[in-house]
C-alpha atoms as a PDB file:
ATOM      1  CA  MET A   1     130.990 113.482   3.693  1.00  0.00           C
ATOM      2  CA  GLU A   2     132.467 110.262   5.006  1.00  0.00           C
ATOM      3  CA  LYS A   3     136.234 110.260   5.483  1.00  0.00           C
ATOM      4  CA  ILE A   4     137.540 106.856   4.404  1.00  0.00           C
ATOM      5  CA  ARG A   5     140.839 105.189   3.492  1.00  0.00           C
ATOM      6  CA  VAL A   6     141.323 103.643   0.055  1.00  0.00           C
ATOM      7  CA  ASP A   7     141.776 100.207   1.716  1.00  0.00           C
ATOM      8  CA  GLU A   8     138.224 100.544   3.059  1.00  0.00           C
ATOM      9  CA  ILE A   9     136.474 101.932  -0.026  1.00  0.00           C
ATOM     10  CA  ILE A  10     137.853  99.238  -2.336  1.00  0.00           C
ATOM     11  CA  LYS A  11     136.021  96.678  -0.184  1.00  0.00           C
ATOM     12  CA  LEU A  12     132.743  98.130  -1.450  1.00  0.00           C
ATOM     13  CA  ASN A  13     130.948  96.819  -4.519  1.00  0.00           C
ATOM     14  CA  LYS A  14     130.765  98.964  -7.633  1.00  0.00           C
ATOM     15  CA  ALA A  15     126.998  99.175  -7.124  1.00  0.00           C
ATOM     16  CA  ASP A  16     127.627 100.846  -3.744  1.00  0.00           C
ATOM     17  CA  LEU A  17     129.184 103.806  -5.575  1.00  0.00           C
ATOM     18  CA  ARG A  18     126.242 104.397  -7.954  1.00  0.00           C
ATOM     19  CA  GLY A  19     125.019 107.952  -7.505  1.00  0.00           C
ATOM     20  CA  LYS A  20     127.988 108.778  -5.250  1.00  0.00           C
ATOM     21  CA  VAL A  21     130.642 111.485  -5.556  1.00  0.00           C
ATOM     22  CA  ILE A  22     134.143 110.618  -4.328  1.00  0.00           C
ATOM     23  CA  CYS A  23     136.935 113.055  -3.473  1.00  0.00           C
ATOM     24  CA  PHE A  24     140.473 111.682  -3.650  1.00  0.00           C
ATOM     25  CA  PRO A  25     144.086 112.724  -4.153  1.00  0.00           C
ATOM     26  CA  THR A  26     145.679 112.494  -7.575  1.00  0.00           C
ATOM     27  CA  ASP A  27     149.244 113.361  -8.482  1.00  0.00           C
ATOM     28  CA  THR A  28     148.267 116.933  -9.397  1.00  0.00           C
ATOM     29  CA  VAL A  29     145.362 118.149  -7.225  1.00  0.00           C
ATOM     30  CA  TYR A  30     142.437 116.650  -5.308  1.00  0.00           C
ATOM     31  CA  GLY A  31     139.770 115.369  -7.635  1.00  0.00           C
ATOM     32  CA  ILE A  32     136.075 114.673  -7.370  1.00  0.00           C
ATOM     33  CA  GLY A  33     134.837 111.787  -9.387  1.00  0.00           C
ATOM     34  CA  ALA A  34     132.081 109.349 -10.156  1.00  0.00           C
ATOM     35  CA  LEU A  35     131.868 106.055 -11.970  1.00  0.00           C
ATOM     36  CA  TYR A  36     132.505 106.586 -15.685  1.00  0.00           C
ATOM     37  CA  ASP A  37     128.976 105.612 -16.730  1.00  0.00           C
ATOM     38  CA  ASP A  38     127.086 107.037 -13.718  1.00  0.00           C
ATOM     39  CA  ARG A  39     125.078 109.896 -15.240  1.00  0.00           C
ATOM     40  CA  GLU A  40     123.356 110.760 -11.929  1.00  0.00           C
ATOM     41  CA  ALA A  41     126.615 111.216  -9.996  1.00  0.00           C
ATOM     42  CA  ILE A  42     128.275 113.072 -12.890  1.00  0.00           C
ATOM     43  CA  GLU A  43     125.359 115.506 -12.950  1.00  0.00           C
ATOM     44  CA  LYS A  44     125.882 116.032  -9.192  1.00  0.00           C
ATOM     45  CA  ILE A  45     129.493 117.011  -9.933  1.00  0.00           C
ATOM     46  CA  PHE A  46     128.372 119.562 -12.522  1.00  0.00           C
ATOM     47  CA  ARG A  47     125.865 121.040 -10.052  1.00  0.00           C
ATOM     48  CA  LEU A  48     128.270 121.269  -7.120  1.00  0.00           C
ATOM     49  CA  LYS A  49     130.883 122.999  -9.304  1.00  0.00           C
ATOM     50  CA  ASN A  50     128.311 125.243 -11.022  1.00  0.00           C
ATOM     51  CA  ARG A  51     129.881 123.988 -14.241  1.00  0.00           C
ATOM     52  CA  ARG A  52     128.282 124.561 -17.630  1.00  0.00           C
ATOM     53  CA  GLY A  53     126.829 121.408 -19.110  1.00  0.00           C
ATOM     54  CA  ASP A  54     128.675 121.949 -22.394  1.00  0.00           C
ATOM     55  CA  LYS A  55     132.090 121.911 -20.675  1.00  0.00           C
ATOM     56  CA  PRO A  56     132.976 118.201 -20.404  1.00  0.00           C
ATOM     57  CA  ILE A  57     135.073 116.702 -17.639  1.00  0.00           C
ATOM     58  CA  ALA A  58     137.972 114.326 -18.129  1.00  0.00           C
ATOM     59  CA  ASN A  59     138.285 110.750 -16.976  1.00  0.00           C
ATOM     60  CA  LEU A  60     140.956 109.027 -14.951  1.00  0.00           C
ATOM     61  CA  CYS A  61     141.932 105.458 -15.762  1.00  0.00           C
ATOM     62  CA  GLY A  62     144.065 102.810 -14.142  1.00  0.00           C
ATOM     63  CA  GLY A  63     145.734 101.870 -17.415  1.00  0.00           C
ATOM     64  CA  ILE A  64     145.458 101.817 -21.182  1.00  0.00           C
ATOM     65  CA  GLU A  65     143.472  98.544 -21.126  1.00  0.00           C
ATOM     66  CA  GLN A  66     140.548 100.345 -19.460  1.00  0.00           C
ATOM     67  CA  ILE A  67     140.436 102.790 -22.382  1.00  0.00           C
ATOM     68  CA  LYS A  68     140.665 100.034 -24.981  1.00  0.00           C
ATOM     69  CA  ALA A  69     137.837  98.151 -23.232  1.00  0.00           C
ATOM     70  CA  LEU A  70     135.604 101.148 -24.001  1.00  0.00           C
ATOM     71  CA  GLY A  71     136.356 100.748 -27.717  1.00  0.00           C
ATOM     72  CA  ILE A  72     138.556 103.844 -27.926  1.00  0.00           C
ATOM     73  CA  GLU A  73     141.362 103.576 -30.463  1.00  0.00           C
ATOM     74  CA  ILE A  74     144.879 104.227 -29.235  1.00  0.00           C
ATOM     75  CA  THR A  75     146.743 105.760 -32.186  1.00  0.00           C
ATOM     76  CA  PRO A  76     150.541 105.460 -32.505  1.00  0.00           C
ATOM     77  CA  LEU A  77     150.872 109.125 -31.460  1.00  0.00           C
ATOM     78  CA  ALA A  78     148.713 108.520 -28.369  1.00  0.00           C
ATOM     79  CA  SER A  79     150.684 105.380 -27.611  1.00  0.00           C
ATOM     80  CA  ASP A  80     153.965 107.335 -27.737  1.00  0.00           C
ATOM     81  CA  LEU A  81     152.642 110.010 -25.356  1.00  0.00           C
ATOM     82  CA  ILE A  82     151.214 107.397 -23.001  1.00  0.00           C
ATOM     83  CA  GLU A  83     154.510 105.525 -22.907  1.00  0.00           C
ATOM     84  CA  ARG A  84     156.410 108.726 -22.194  1.00  0.00           C
ATOM     85  CA  PHE A  85     154.100 110.494 -19.713  1.00  0.00           C
ATOM     86  CA  TRP A  86     151.781 107.946 -18.032  1.00  0.00           C
ATOM     87  CA  PRO A  87     151.292 107.581 -15.239  1.00  0.00           C
ATOM     88  CA  GLY A  88     151.570 111.331 -14.859  1.00  0.00           C
ATOM     89  CA  PRO A  89     150.002 114.755 -15.376  1.00  0.00           C
ATOM     90  CA  LEU A  90     149.070 114.478 -19.071  1.00  0.00           C
ATOM     91  CA  THR A  91     145.418 114.382 -20.120  1.00  0.00           C
ATOM     92  CA  ILE A  92     144.874 113.112 -23.660  1.00  0.00           C
ATOM     93  CA  ILE A  93     141.741 113.849 -25.681  1.00  0.00           C
ATOM     94  CA  PHE A  94     140.939 110.916 -27.975  1.00  0.00           C
ATOM     95  CA  PRO A  95     138.499 110.731 -30.876  1.00  0.00           C
ATOM     96  CA  ALA A  96     135.459 108.658 -29.931  1.00  0.00           C
ATOM     97  CA  GLY A  97     133.193 108.315 -32.934  1.00  0.00           C
ATOM     98  CA  LYS A  98     131.811 111.781 -33.681  1.00  0.00           C
ATOM     99  CA  ASN A  99     132.757 112.926 -30.185  1.00  0.00           C
ATOM    100  CA  LYS A 100     135.898 113.282 -28.104  1.00  0.00           C
ATOM    101  CA  VAL A 101     136.795 111.807 -24.729  1.00  0.00           C
ATOM    102  CA  ALA A 102     139.673 112.701 -22.388  1.00  0.00           C
ATOM    103  CA  PHE A 103     141.675 110.312 -20.203  1.00  0.00           C
ATOM    104  CA  ARG A 104     144.598 110.520 -17.834  1.00  0.00           C
ATOM    105  CA  MET A 105     146.399 107.960 -15.697  1.00  0.00           C
ATOM    106  CA  PRO A 106     147.512 109.614 -12.443  1.00  0.00           C
ATOM    107  CA  ASP A 107     150.823 108.855 -10.750  1.00  0.00           C
ATOM    108  CA  CYS A 108     149.209 108.400  -7.345  1.00  0.00           C
ATOM    109  CA  LEU A 109     148.888 105.069  -5.554  1.00  0.00           C
ATOM    110  CA  PRO A 110     145.559 105.762  -3.752  1.00  0.00           C
ATOM    111  CA  ALA A 111     143.969 106.954  -7.005  1.00  0.00           C
ATOM    112  CA  LEU A 112     145.358 104.002  -8.972  1.00  0.00           C
ATOM    113  CA  ARG A 113     144.028 101.541  -6.396  1.00  0.00           C
ATOM    114  CA  LEU A 114     140.593 103.158  -6.652  1.00  0.00           C
ATOM    115  CA  LEU A 115     140.723 103.079 -10.476  1.00  0.00           C
ATOM    116  CA  SER A 116     141.983  99.501 -10.598  1.00  0.00           C
ATOM    117  CA  ARG A 117     139.067  98.389  -8.418  1.00  0.00           C
ATOM    118  CA  PHE A 118     136.231 100.410  -9.971  1.00  0.00           C
ATOM    119  CA  GLY A 119     137.429 101.242 -13.481  1.00  0.00           C
ATOM    120  CA  PRO A 120     137.568 104.678 -15.046  1.00  0.00           C
ATOM    121  CA  LEU A 121     136.150 107.616 -13.114  1.00  0.00           C
ATOM    122  CA  ALA A 122     134.771 110.839 -14.565  1.00  0.00           C
ATOM    123  CA  THR A 123     136.890 113.311 -12.609  1.00  0.00           C
ATOM    124  CA  THR A 124     137.570 117.013 -12.243  1.00  0.00           C
ATOM    125  CA  SER A 125     139.283 119.259  -9.727  1.00  0.00           C
ATOM    126  CA  VAL A 126     137.588 120.206  -6.457  1.00  0.00           C
ATOM    127  CA  ASN A 127     136.518 123.804  -6.909  1.00  0.00           C
ATOM    128  CA  GLU A 128     133.770 126.085  -8.040  1.00  0.00           C
ATOM    129  CA  SER A 129     134.058 126.287 -11.837  1.00  0.00           C
ATOM    130  CA  GLY A 130     136.619 128.958 -12.758  1.00  0.00           C
ATOM    131  CA  GLU A 131     137.986 129.201  -9.195  1.00  0.00           C
ATOM    132  CA  PRO A 132     141.327 127.862  -7.861  1.00  0.00           C
ATOM    133  CA  GLU A 133     141.507 124.175  -6.939  1.00  0.00           C
ATOM    134  CA  LEU A 134     141.003 123.214  -3.297  1.00  0.00           C
ATOM    135  CA  ASN A 135     143.620 120.845  -1.910  1.00  0.00           C
ATOM    136  CA  ASP A 136     142.936 121.036   1.819  1.00  0.00           C
ATOM    137  CA  TYR A 137     140.515 118.693   3.612  1.00  0.00           C
ATOM    138  CA  GLU A 138     139.029 121.395   5.841  1.00  0.00           C
ATOM    139  CA  GLU A 139     138.379 123.723   2.881  1.00  0.00           C
ATOM    140  CA  ILE A 140     136.886 120.904   0.817  1.00  0.00           C
ATOM    141  CA  GLU A 141     134.651 119.831   3.698  1.00  0.00           C
ATOM    142  CA  SER A 142     133.571 123.408   4.397  1.00  0.00           C
ATOM    143  CA  ARG A 143     132.669 124.189   0.766  1.00  0.00           C
ATOM    144  CA  PHE A 144     131.473 120.829  -0.561  1.00  0.00           C
ATOM    145  CA  GLY A 145     131.016 118.483   2.417  1.00  0.00           C
ATOM    146  CA  ASN A 146     127.262 118.197   1.842  1.00  0.00           C
ATOM    147  CA  ASP A 147     127.753 117.273  -1.831  1.00  0.00           C
ATOM    148  CA  ILE A 148     130.595 114.748  -1.571  1.00  0.00           C
ATOM    149  CA  ASP A 149     129.818 111.245  -0.328  1.00  0.00           C
ATOM    150  CA  TYR A 150     133.337 109.911   0.312  1.00  0.00           C
ATOM    151  CA  PHE A 151     136.651 111.636   0.975  1.00  0.00           C
ATOM    152  CA  ILE A 152     139.683 109.367   0.483  1.00  0.00           C
ATOM    153  CA  SER A 153     141.985 110.414   3.321  1.00  0.00           C
ATOM    154  CA  ASP A 154     145.178 108.615   2.281  1.00  0.00           C
ATOM    155  CA  PRO A 155     147.972 111.207   2.241  1.00  0.00           C
ATOM    156  CA  TRP A 156     149.724 112.043  -1.017  1.00  0.00           C
ATOM    157  CA  ASP A 157     152.090 114.794  -2.137  1.00  0.00           C
ATOM    158  CA  LEU A 158     150.309 116.854  -4.784  1.00  0.00           C
ATOM    159  CA  LEU A 159     152.038 118.815  -7.536  1.00  0.00           C
ATOM    160  CA  GLY A 160     149.459 121.540  -6.975  1.00  0.00           C
ATOM    161  CA  GLU A 161     149.284 122.297 -10.697  1.00  0.00           C
ATOM    162  CA  PRO A 162     146.693 120.784 -13.037  1.00  0.00           C
ATOM    163  CA  SER A 163     147.593 118.387 -15.815  1.00  0.00           C
ATOM    164  CA  THR A 164     148.595 119.402 -19.293  1.00  0.00           C
ATOM    165  CA  VAL A 165     145.748 118.687 -21.733  1.00  0.00           C
ATOM    166  CA  VAL A 166     146.394 117.741 -25.349  1.00  0.00           C
ATOM    167  CA  ASP A 167     143.850 117.054 -28.081  1.00  0.00           C
ATOM    168  CA  LEU A 168     144.827 114.253 -30.482  1.00  0.00           C
ATOM    169  CA  ALA A 169     141.399 113.938 -32.130  1.00  0.00           C
ATOM    170  CA  GLY A 170     142.601 115.694 -35.294  1.00  0.00           C
ATOM    171  CA  GLY A 171     145.692 113.500 -35.640  1.00  0.00           C
ATOM    172  CA  ASP A 172     148.184 116.102 -34.346  1.00  0.00           C
ATOM    173  CA  ILE A 173     149.083 117.341 -30.869  1.00  0.00           C
ATOM    174  CA  VAL A 174     147.094 120.455 -29.978  1.00  0.00           C
ATOM    175  CA  VAL A 175     147.858 121.800 -26.498  1.00  0.00           C
ATOM    176  CA  ILE A 176     144.576 122.843 -24.876  1.00  0.00           C
ATOM    177  CA  ARG A 177     146.008 123.651 -21.438  1.00  0.00           C
ATOM    178  CA  GLU A 178     149.631 123.778 -20.397  1.00  0.00           C
ATOM    179  CA  GLY A 179     150.035 122.346 -16.928  1.00  0.00           C
ATOM    180  CA  SER A 180     152.940 120.689 -15.208  1.00  0.00           C
ATOM    181  CA  ILE A 181     154.193 118.999 -18.420  1.00  0.00           C
ATOM    182  CA  LYS A 182     155.641 121.443 -20.921  1.00  0.00           C
ATOM    183  CA  LEU A 183     155.336 120.151 -24.492  1.00  0.00           C
END
């Protein structure tokens, strides 16, 4: 695992991150992520977490335009929630054809710089599936150092509580997980 500052990693080309897993601070907890469309790296994340393949991971974005560029419709309800809670600890599940896709815009400068440079990242917390999140460099390195390619070392104050997750795919707000935002 290479420890790197966000100023250094954003000098890389997007192609340099293909197949790579990145660990970085968000506003809530440390996340591990991969390029949104990088199936190989996303599969690495599932393996390192021992996560079931049928349990999808969310995506982080640098702004609503990145979601729209993927052809995902932003409904008026989604728009209201985004205006009120983004950037921040609210993950929104959107309808995407016959499927669903989840996005969140973190309130964390290092993460936003990474997302602005490379686009959306498929991201989840750093932990074994079902275990508490790891938010300490030494613990992360000890447990997952061989599986993570880059660790963004820029300091950031973490809330320490995961995001609230809401599903808007049915047209109403359905709270899937209550986190730091109470709806």
